């Protein structure tokens, strides 16, 4: 199976989960989960949210930021993977001077 993100429509979400500013993303979704190409704009963040039914795995393609998962802060840099396990809460914050670009897999359990 191939997912062509070039053919998917990008959406921009203001204040995702009550976060700051806006996030742009392209998403593939089916019954087993989601695959999301995401750009967290400079100064933006996702609001804190809980993953009740899934693991959320985010690989940093470029940029800098931080994740706060269950109250613990983790630095995000190119090549780093952040995992928010089922039942945990997290937010992701762009702390850099360029977009924080992530590839996120949400795996339903």
Protein backbone atom coordinates (compact mmCIF):
# COMPACT_ATOMS: atom_id res chain seq x y z
CA UNK A 1 0.00 0.00 0.00
CA UNK A 2 1.25 3.47 -0.86
CA UNK A 3 0.00 6.69 0.69
CA UNK A 4 0.78 9.67 -1.53
CA UNK A 5 0.87 12.70 0.76
CA UNK A 6 1.42 14.88 -2.32
CA UNK A 7 -2.18 14.19 -3.32
CA UNK A 8 -3.70 14.84 0.13
CA UNK A 9 -5.26 18.20 0.98
CA UNK A 10 -3.44 20.17 3.68
CA UNK A 11 -5.58 21.65 6.43
CA UNK A 12 -4.60 24.34 8.91
CA UNK A 13 -5.95 24.01 12.43
CA UNK A 14 -5.94 27.07 14.70
CA UNK A 15 -5.35 26.38 18.41
CA UNK A 16 -5.34 22.56 18.12
CA UNK A 17 -6.54 21.14 21.46
CA UNK A 18 -6.45 24.71 22.82
CA UNK A 19 -2.79 25.12 21.85
CA UNK A 20 -1.15 28.30 20.55
CA UNK A 21 -1.30 29.61 17.00
CA UNK A 22 -1.76 27.13 14.13
CA UNK A 23 -0.69 23.75 12.81
CA UNK A 24 -0.86 22.55 9.21
CA UNK A 25 -1.21 18.87 8.36
CA UNK A 26 -2.06 16.21 5.83
CA UNK A 27 -3.67 13.07 7.22
CA UNK A 28 -4.37 9.52 6.12
CA UNK A 29 -6.86 7.69 8.33
CA UNK A 30 -8.33 4.19 8.48
CA UNK A 31 -9.63 1.82 11.18
CA UNK A 32 -6.16 1.02 12.51
CA UNK A 33 -5.08 4.62 13.03
CA UNK A 34 -3.70 7.73 11.37
CA UNK A 35 -0.53 8.81 9.59
CA UNK A 36 -0.04 12.56 9.72
CA UNK A 37 2.46 14.86 8.05
CA UNK A 38 2.45 17.88 10.34
CA UNK A 39 3.99 21.36 10.40
CA UNK A 40 3.87 23.13 13.75
CA UNK A 41 4.43 26.77 12.88
CA UNK A 42 6.91 29.01 14.74
CA UNK A 43 5.58 29.78 18.22
CA UNK A 44 2.76 27.23 17.91
CA UNK A 45 1.86 24.24 20.05
CA UNK A 46 -0.68 21.50 20.40
CA UNK A 47 -2.65 21.79 23.59
CA UNK A 48 -2.30 19.03 26.14
CA UNK A 49 -4.45 16.06 25.19
CA UNK A 50 -4.81 12.42 26.30
CA UNK A 51 -4.50 9.37 24.07
CA UNK A 52 -7.21 7.11 25.44
CA UNK A 53 -7.20 4.48 22.68
CA UNK A 54 -3.88 4.84 20.87
CA UNK A 55 -0.13 5.33 20.97
CA UNK A 56 1.03 8.56 19.28
CA UNK A 57 4.48 8.26 17.69
CA UNK A 58 6.04 11.45 16.28
CA UNK A 59 9.30 11.46 14.32
CA UNK A 60 10.99 14.86 13.93
CA UNK A 61 11.91 15.50 10.30
CA UNK A 62 13.18 19.04 10.91
CA UNK A 63 13.06 21.87 13.41
CA UNK A 64 13.27 22.08 17.18
CA UNK A 65 10.75 21.83 19.94
CA UNK A 66 9.75 20.08 23.08
CA UNK A 67 7.17 17.54 24.11
CA UNK A 68 5.64 17.49 27.56
CA UNK A 69 4.39 13.97 28.23
CA UNK A 70 2.77 13.18 31.59
CA UNK A 71 4.50 16.26 32.99
CA UNK A 72 8.01 15.33 31.78
CA UNK A 73 9.73 17.59 29.27
CA UNK A 74 11.55 16.04 26.30
CA UNK A 75 13.69 17.91 23.77
CA UNK A 76 12.74 17.41 20.12
CA UNK A 77 15.39 17.74 17.42
CA UNK A 78 15.82 16.37 13.91
CA UNK A 79 15.93 12.56 13.94
CA UNK A 80 14.33 12.17 17.40
CA UNK A 81 11.16 10.15 17.95
CA UNK A 82 8.67 11.07 20.70
CA UNK A 83 6.17 8.43 21.85
CA UNK A 84 3.06 9.20 23.87
CA UNK A 85 1.70 5.84 25.04
CA UNK A 86 -1.97 4.93 25.30
CA UNK A 87 -3.40 6.48 28.47
CA UNK A 88 -0.80 9.27 28.57
CA UNK A 89 -1.21 13.01 27.94
CA UNK A 90 1.11 15.23 25.96
CA UNK A 91 1.61 18.49 24.13
CA UNK A 92 4.18 19.44 21.50
CA UNK A 93 5.65 22.95 21.31
CA UNK A 94 7.72 24.54 18.56
CA UNK A 95 10.58 26.29 20.41
CA UNK A 96 12.66 27.02 17.31
CA UNK A 97 12.88 29.69 14.63
CA UNK A 98 11.51 27.49 11.83
CA UNK A 99 8.62 25.08 11.42
CA UNK A 100 8.72 21.89 13.47
CA UNK A 101 8.00 19.17 10.91
CA UNK A 102 6.79 15.80 12.17
CA UNK A 103 5.61 12.51 10.76
CA UNK A 104 3.14 11.12 13.29
CA UNK A 105 1.64 7.65 13.46
CA UNK A 106 -1.39 7.16 15.71
CA UNK A 107 -1.75 3.43 16.31
CA UNK A 108 -5.14 2.35 17.69
CA UNK A 109 -5.01 -0.38 20.30
